[in-house]
Amino acid sequence: MLEELKEEEIVNKIGGRFKLSTLIQKRLVQLNQGSRALVSVDTHDKMSIVLQEIVQDKIFLNMENEIETIDDLDAIVAASEAPELDPSDL
């Protein structure tokens, strides 16, 4: 077992053991299908890559239990920001 999984911090960060195992499994599938790693690590062990992505807050589960990345979240926030108003247009 990897050291990160022994820590309760990673379990609490994701929201429980079931969500953690779901996130790990889904991300491993993505990596096996050719997705690029979101962290820079000196290993080809996909489990270690996934755990580092979790520890570094690069991936999480959304409300539908689908994997989201921080980049996805940033894009959603940017798209939902209100446009700046120019007072001279009023």
N, C-alpha and C. Protein backbone atom coordinates (compact mmCIF):
# COMPACT_ATOMS: atom_id res chain seq x y z
N MET A 1 0.85 -1.18 0.00
CA MET A 1 0.00 0.00 0.00
C MET A 1 0.89 1.24 0.00
N LEU A 2 0.50 2.24 -0.73
CA LEU A 2 1.27 3.46 -0.81
C LEU A 2 1.05 4.30 0.44
N GLU A 3 2.08 5.03 0.82
CA GLU A 3 2.04 5.81 2.05
C GLU A 3 0.89 6.81 2.08
N GLU A 4 0.57 7.42 0.93
CA GLU A 4 -0.48 8.42 0.89
C GLU A 4 -1.83 7.85 1.31
N LEU A 5 -2.07 6.57 1.00
CA LEU A 5 -3.34 5.95 1.34
C LEU A 5 -3.46 5.64 2.83
N LYS A 6 -2.36 5.62 3.53
CA LYS A 6 -2.40 5.36 4.97
C LYS A 6 -2.82 6.60 5.75
N GLU A 7 -2.75 7.75 5.11
CA GLU A 7 -3.08 9.01 5.77
C GLU A 7 -4.59 9.25 5.69
N GLU A 8 -5.18 9.67 6.79
CA GLU A 8 -6.59 10.02 6.79
C GLU A 8 -6.83 11.33 6.06
N GLU A 9 -5.78 12.15 5.93
CA GLU A 9 -5.91 13.45 5.27
C GLU A 9 -6.42 13.31 3.83
N ILE A 10 -5.88 12.36 3.09
CA ILE A 10 -6.30 12.18 1.70
C ILE A 10 -7.73 11.67 1.63
N VAL A 11 -8.13 10.83 2.57
CA VAL A 11 -9.50 10.33 2.62
C VAL A 11 -10.46 11.48 2.91
N ASN A 12 -10.11 12.31 3.88
CA ASN A 12 -10.95 13.44 4.25
C ASN A 12 -11.00 14.50 3.15
N LYS A 13 -9.90 14.68 2.44
CA LYS A 13 -9.84 15.67 1.37
C LYS A 13 -10.86 15.35 0.28
N ILE A 14 -11.03 14.08 -0.04
CA ILE A 14 -11.93 13.67 -1.11
C ILE A 14 -13.36 13.50 -0.60
N GLY A 15 -13.52 13.18 0.66
CA GLY A 15 -14.87 13.04 1.20
C GLY A 15 -15.24 11.63 1.60
N GLY A 16 -14.25 10.79 1.80
CA GLY A 16 -14.51 9.43 2.25
C GLY A 16 -13.81 8.40 1.40
N ARG A 17 -13.73 7.20 1.93
CA ARG A 17 -13.01 6.11 1.25
C ARG A 17 -13.68 5.70 -0.06
N PHE A 18 -15.01 5.70 -0.10
CA PHE A 18 -15.69 5.32 -1.33
C PHE A 18 -15.39 6.32 -2.44
N LYS A 19 -15.49 7.60 -2.14
CA LYS A 19 -15.20 8.62 -3.16
C LYS A 19 -13.74 8.57 -3.58
N LEU A 20 -12.85 8.32 -2.63
CA LEU A 20 -11.43 8.21 -2.95
C LEU A 20 -11.18 7.05 -3.90
N SER A 21 -11.76 5.90 -3.61
CA SER A 21 -11.54 4.74 -4.48
C SER A 21 -12.17 4.97 -5.86
N THR A 22 -13.32 5.66 -5.90
CA THR A 22 -13.95 5.99 -7.18
C THR A 22 -13.07 6.91 -8.00
N LEU A 23 -12.53 7.94 -7.35
CA LEU A 23 -11.67 8.90 -8.04
C LEU A 23 -10.41 8.21 -8.57
N ILE A 24 -9.79 7.39 -7.74
CA ILE A 24 -8.58 6.67 -8.16
C ILE A 24 -8.88 5.78 -9.35
N GLN A 25 -9.95 5.00 -9.27
CA GLN A 25 -10.29 4.07 -10.34
C GLN A 25 -10.57 4.81 -11.65
N LYS A 26 -11.36 5.86 -11.59
CA LYS A 26 -11.71 6.59 -12.81
C LYS A 26 -10.49 7.29 -13.41
N ARG A 27 -9.63 7.82 -12.57
CA ARG A 27 -8.44 8.49 -13.09
C ARG A 27 -7.46 7.48 -13.68
N LEU A 28 -7.33 6.32 -13.07
CA LEU A 28 -6.47 5.27 -13.64
C LEU A 28 -6.96 4.86 -15.03
N VAL A 29 -8.27 4.77 -15.20
CA VAL A 29 -8.82 4.44 -16.51
C VAL A 29 -8.43 5.53 -17.51
N GLN A 30 -8.55 6.80 -17.12
CA GLN A 30 -8.18 7.90 -18.02
C GLN A 30 -6.71 7.82 -18.41
N LEU A 31 -5.85 7.58 -17.44
CA LEU A 31 -4.42 7.50 -17.73
C LEU A 31 -4.12 6.32 -18.64
N ASN A 32 -4.76 5.19 -18.39
CA ASN A 32 -4.56 4.00 -19.24
C ASN A 32 -5.06 4.22 -20.66
N GLN A 33 -6.01 5.14 -20.83
CA GLN A 33 -6.53 5.44 -22.16
C GLN A 33 -5.73 6.55 -22.85
N GLY A 34 -4.68 7.03 -22.19
CA GLY A 34 -3.79 7.99 -22.84
C GLY A 34 -3.83 9.41 -22.33
N SER A 35 -4.63 9.70 -21.32
CA SER A 35 -4.64 11.05 -20.76
C SER A 35 -3.26 11.37 -20.19
N ARG A 36 -2.91 12.65 -20.24
CA ARG A 36 -1.60 13.05 -19.72
C ARG A 36 -1.68 13.27 -18.21
N ALA A 37 -0.57 13.05 -17.55
CA ALA A 37 -0.49 13.30 -16.11
C ALA A 37 -0.53 14.80 -15.87
N LEU A 38 -1.17 15.20 -14.77
CA LEU A 38 -1.28 16.61 -14.43
C LEU A 38 -0.21 17.06 -13.44
N VAL A 39 0.67 16.14 -13.08
CA VAL A 39 1.77 16.44 -12.17
C VAL A 39 3.07 15.93 -12.78
N SER A 40 4.15 16.49 -12.33
CA SER A 40 5.46 16.04 -12.79
C SER A 40 6.08 15.17 -11.71
N VAL A 41 6.19 13.88 -11.99
CA VAL A 41 6.78 12.93 -11.05
C VAL A 41 7.77 12.04 -11.79
N ASP A 42 8.74 11.53 -11.06
CA ASP A 42 9.77 10.67 -11.65
C ASP A 42 9.39 9.20 -11.54
N THR A 43 8.21 8.86 -12.05
CA THR A 43 7.77 7.47 -12.01
C THR A 43 6.80 7.22 -13.17
N HIS A 44 6.71 5.98 -13.54
CA HIS A 44 5.71 5.58 -14.54
C HIS A 44 4.56 4.83 -13.87
N ASP A 45 4.62 4.74 -12.53
CA ASP A 45 3.58 4.08 -11.77
C ASP A 45 2.34 4.97 -11.75
N LYS A 46 1.30 4.52 -12.42
CA LYS A 46 0.11 5.34 -12.57
C LYS A 46 -0.60 5.60 -11.25
N MET A 47 -0.54 4.65 -10.34
CA MET A 47 -1.16 4.85 -9.03
C MET A 47 -0.49 6.00 -8.29
N SER A 48 0.83 6.06 -8.35
CA SER A 48 1.57 7.15 -7.71
C SER A 48 1.22 8.49 -8.35
N ILE A 49 1.06 8.48 -9.66
CA ILE A 49 0.69 9.71 -10.38
C ILE A 49 -0.68 10.19 -9.91
N VAL A 50 -1.65 9.28 -9.84
CA VAL A 50 -3.00 9.65 -9.40
C VAL A 50 -2.98 10.20 -7.98
N LEU A 51 -2.26 9.55 -7.10
CA LEU A 51 -2.21 10.01 -5.71
C LEU A 51 -1.57 11.39 -5.62
N GLN A 52 -0.54 11.65 -6.40
CA GLN A 52 0.08 12.98 -6.40
C GLN A 52 -0.88 14.02 -6.97
N GLU A 53 -1.66 13.66 -7.97
CA GLU A 53 -2.65 14.59 -8.51
C GLU A 53 -3.68 14.95 -7.44
N ILE A 54 -4.07 13.99 -6.63
CA ILE A 54 -5.02 14.24 -5.55
C ILE A 54 -4.39 15.12 -4.48
N VAL A 55 -3.19 14.75 -4.04
CA VAL A 55 -2.50 15.49 -2.98
C VAL A 55 -2.28 16.95 -3.40
N GLN A 56 -1.97 17.16 -4.69
CA GLN A 56 -1.70 18.51 -5.19
C GLN A 56 -2.98 19.22 -5.66
N ASP A 57 -4.13 18.67 -5.34
CA ASP A 57 -5.43 19.27 -5.69
C ASP A 57 -5.60 19.52 -7.18
N LYS A 58 -5.13 18.60 -7.99
CA LYS A 58 -5.27 18.73 -9.44
C LYS A 58 -6.56 18.09 -9.96
N ILE A 59 -7.09 17.09 -9.22
CA ILE A 59 -8.31 16.41 -9.64
C ILE A 59 -9.25 16.26 -8.45
N PHE A 60 -10.55 16.15 -8.76
CA PHE A 60 -11.57 15.91 -7.74
C PHE A 60 -12.79 15.35 -8.42
N LEU A 61 -13.75 14.86 -7.63
CA LEU A 61 -15.01 14.36 -8.17
C LEU A 61 -16.05 15.47 -8.10
N ASN A 62 -16.81 15.64 -9.18
CA ASN A 62 -17.90 16.61 -9.15
C ASN A 62 -19.14 15.96 -8.54
N MET A 63 -20.26 16.66 -8.58
CA MET A 63 -21.48 16.16 -7.94
C MET A 63 -22.03 14.91 -8.62
N GLU A 64 -21.64 14.68 -9.89
CA GLU A 64 -22.08 13.49 -10.61
C GLU A 64 -21.07 12.35 -10.52
N ASN A 65 -20.10 12.47 -9.61
CA ASN A 65 -19.02 11.50 -9.44
C ASN A 65 -18.18 11.33 -10.70
N GLU A 66 -18.02 12.40 -11.44
CA GLU A 66 -17.14 12.43 -12.60
C GLU A 66 -15.90 13.22 -12.24
N ILE A 67 -14.79 12.88 -12.86
CA ILE A 67 -13.53 13.55 -12.57
C ILE A 67 -13.53 14.95 -13.18
N GLU A 68 -13.12 15.92 -12.39
CA GLU A 68 -12.90 17.29 -12.83
C GLU A 68 -11.46 17.64 -12.51
N THR A 69 -10.89 18.51 -13.31
CA THR A 69 -9.55 19.01 -13.02
C THR A 69 -9.66 20.46 -12.62
N ILE A 70 -8.62 20.97 -12.02
CA ILE A 70 -8.59 22.37 -11.64
C ILE A 70 -8.74 23.24 -12.88
N ASP A 71 -8.15 22.84 -14.01
CA ASP A 71 -8.29 23.60 -15.26
C ASP A 71 -9.75 23.67 -15.69
N ASP A 72 -10.48 22.56 -15.54
CA ASP A 72 -11.90 22.55 -15.88
C ASP A 72 -12.66 23.53 -14.99
N LEU A 73 -12.35 23.52 -13.70
CA LEU A 73 -13.02 24.41 -12.75
C LEU A 73 -12.70 25.86 -13.06
N ASP A 74 -11.45 26.17 -13.39
CA ASP A 74 -11.07 27.53 -13.74
C ASP A 74 -11.83 28.02 -14.96
N ALA A 75 -12.01 27.14 -15.94
CA ALA A 75 -12.74 27.50 -17.16
C ALA A 75 -14.21 27.78 -16.84
N ILE A 76 -14.79 27.00 -15.96
CA ILE A 76 -16.19 27.19 -15.58
C ILE A 76 -16.35 28.53 -14.85
N VAL A 77 -15.44 28.81 -13.94
CA VAL A 77 -15.50 30.06 -13.19
C VAL A 77 -15.32 31.25 -14.12
N ALA A 78 -14.36 31.16 -15.03
CA ALA A 78 -14.10 32.25 -15.97
C ALA A 78 -15.32 32.50 -16.86
N ALA A 79 -15.98 31.44 -17.28
CA ALA A 79 -17.15 31.59 -18.15
C ALA A 79 -18.34 32.17 -17.41
N SER A 80 -18.39 31.97 -16.10
CA SER A 80 -19.55 32.44 -15.34
C SER A 80 -19.35 33.83 -14.75
N GLU A 81 -18.16 34.40 -14.91
CA GLU A 81 -17.92 35.74 -14.37
C GLU A 81 -18.71 36.76 -15.16
N ALA A 82 -19.23 37.73 -14.46
CA ALA A 82 -20.01 38.79 -15.09
C ALA A 82 -19.09 39.68 -15.91
N PRO A 83 -19.56 40.16 -17.04
CA PRO A 83 -18.73 41.04 -17.85
C PRO A 83 -18.55 42.38 -17.15
N GLU A 84 -17.43 43.01 -17.41
CA GLU A 84 -17.20 44.33 -16.82
C GLU A 84 -18.06 45.35 -17.54
N LEU A 85 -18.65 46.22 -16.76
CA LEU A 85 -19.49 47.25 -17.34
C LEU A 85 -18.72 48.56 -17.40
N ASP A 86 -18.86 49.24 -18.48
CA ASP A 86 -18.24 50.55 -18.64
C ASP A 86 -19.28 51.60 -18.25
N PRO A 87 -19.00 52.41 -17.25
CA PRO A 87 -20.00 53.41 -16.81
C PRO A 87 -20.42 54.36 -17.94
N SER A 88 -19.59 54.55 -18.93
CA SER A 88 -19.96 55.47 -20.01
C SER A 88 -21.04 54.86 -20.91
N ASP A 89 -21.24 53.54 -20.83
CA ASP A 89 -22.27 52.89 -21.62
C ASP A 89 -23.67 53.07 -21.00
N LEU A 90 -23.73 53.55 -19.79
CA LEU A 90 -25.03 53.67 -19.11
C LEU A 90 -25.73 54.93 -19.47
